[in-house]
Protein backbone atom coordinates (compact mmCIF):
# COMPACT_ATOMS: atom_id res chain seq x y z
CA MET A 1 12.33 19.96 183.16
CA MET A 2 16.11 20.31 183.47
CA PHE A 3 15.99 23.93 182.30
CA GLY A 4 13.39 24.72 184.95
CA ALA A 5 15.57 23.12 187.63
CA LEU A 6 18.53 25.16 186.39
CA LEU A 7 16.53 28.39 186.66
CA VAL A 8 15.47 27.53 190.22
CA MET A 9 19.08 26.82 191.21
CA GLU A 10 20.28 30.04 189.58
CA GLY A 11 17.62 32.10 191.32
CA ILE A 12 18.28 30.87 194.87
CA PRO A 13 21.30 33.12 195.58
CA TYR A 14 19.57 36.23 194.20
CA PHE A 15 16.47 35.59 196.29
CA GLY A 16 18.15 34.41 199.48
CA PHE A 17 21.38 36.39 199.58
CA PRO A 18 21.13 39.55 197.43
CA LYS A 19 23.81 41.45 199.39
CA ALA A 20 26.32 38.61 199.00
CA VAL A 21 25.55 38.39 195.26
CA LYS A 22 26.32 42.10 194.87
CA GLN A 23 29.62 41.66 196.74
CA TRP A 24 30.49 38.64 194.60
CA ALA A 25 29.67 40.56 191.41
CA HIS A 26 32.01 43.35 192.49
CA TRP A 27 34.76 40.80 193.20
CA ILE A 28 34.26 39.14 189.80
CA HIS A 29 34.41 42.52 188.07
CA SER A 30 37.85 43.17 189.59
CA LEU A 31 39.40 39.88 188.39
CA PRO A 32 41.71 39.80 185.38
CA GLU A 33 40.38 37.94 182.33
CA LYS A 34 43.00 35.20 182.58
CA LYS A 35 41.93 34.34 186.13
CA MET A 36 38.25 34.46 185.16
CA ARG A 37 38.90 32.01 182.33
CA ALA A 38 40.74 29.67 184.71
CA ILE A 39 37.86 29.79 187.20
CA GLY A 40 35.33 29.20 184.42
CA PHE A 41 37.30 26.25 183.09
CA GLY A 42 37.51 24.75 186.58
CA ILE A 43 33.77 25.13 187.12
CA MET A 44 33.02 23.49 183.76
CA ALA A 45 35.42 20.62 184.54
CA VAL A 46 33.75 19.98 187.90
CA GLY A 47 30.34 20.08 186.21
CA ILE A 48 31.38 17.52 183.60
CA VAL A 49 32.83 15.22 186.27
CA LEU A 50 29.59 15.47 188.28
CA ILE A 51 27.46 14.72 185.23
CA LEU A 52 29.56 11.67 184.35
CA ALA A 53 29.61 10.42 187.95
CA ILE A 54 25.85 10.75 188.36
CA ARG A 55 25.25 9.13 184.98
CA ASP A 56 27.39 6.15 186.02
CA ILE A 57 25.64 5.87 189.39
CA LEU A 58 22.19 5.94 187.83
CA SER A 59 22.93 3.39 185.12
C-alpha cells in the first residue's frame, strides 16, 4: 500500500509538469556532488522528522 502511494506521488510531477521536470533534471546535473549530498541529506532529515511527527500524532 505504501509503495503504491509512493509511486503515485513520484509520478505526479512527470505527468503534470514534464517541462519543469526536464529543467529540474538539467539543474541537478549541473550541481557539484558535495551540494547534491547536502541537499539529499536535508531531504532525508525532513522526511525522518515528518515520519516521526506523524507517528506521534497518530498514536
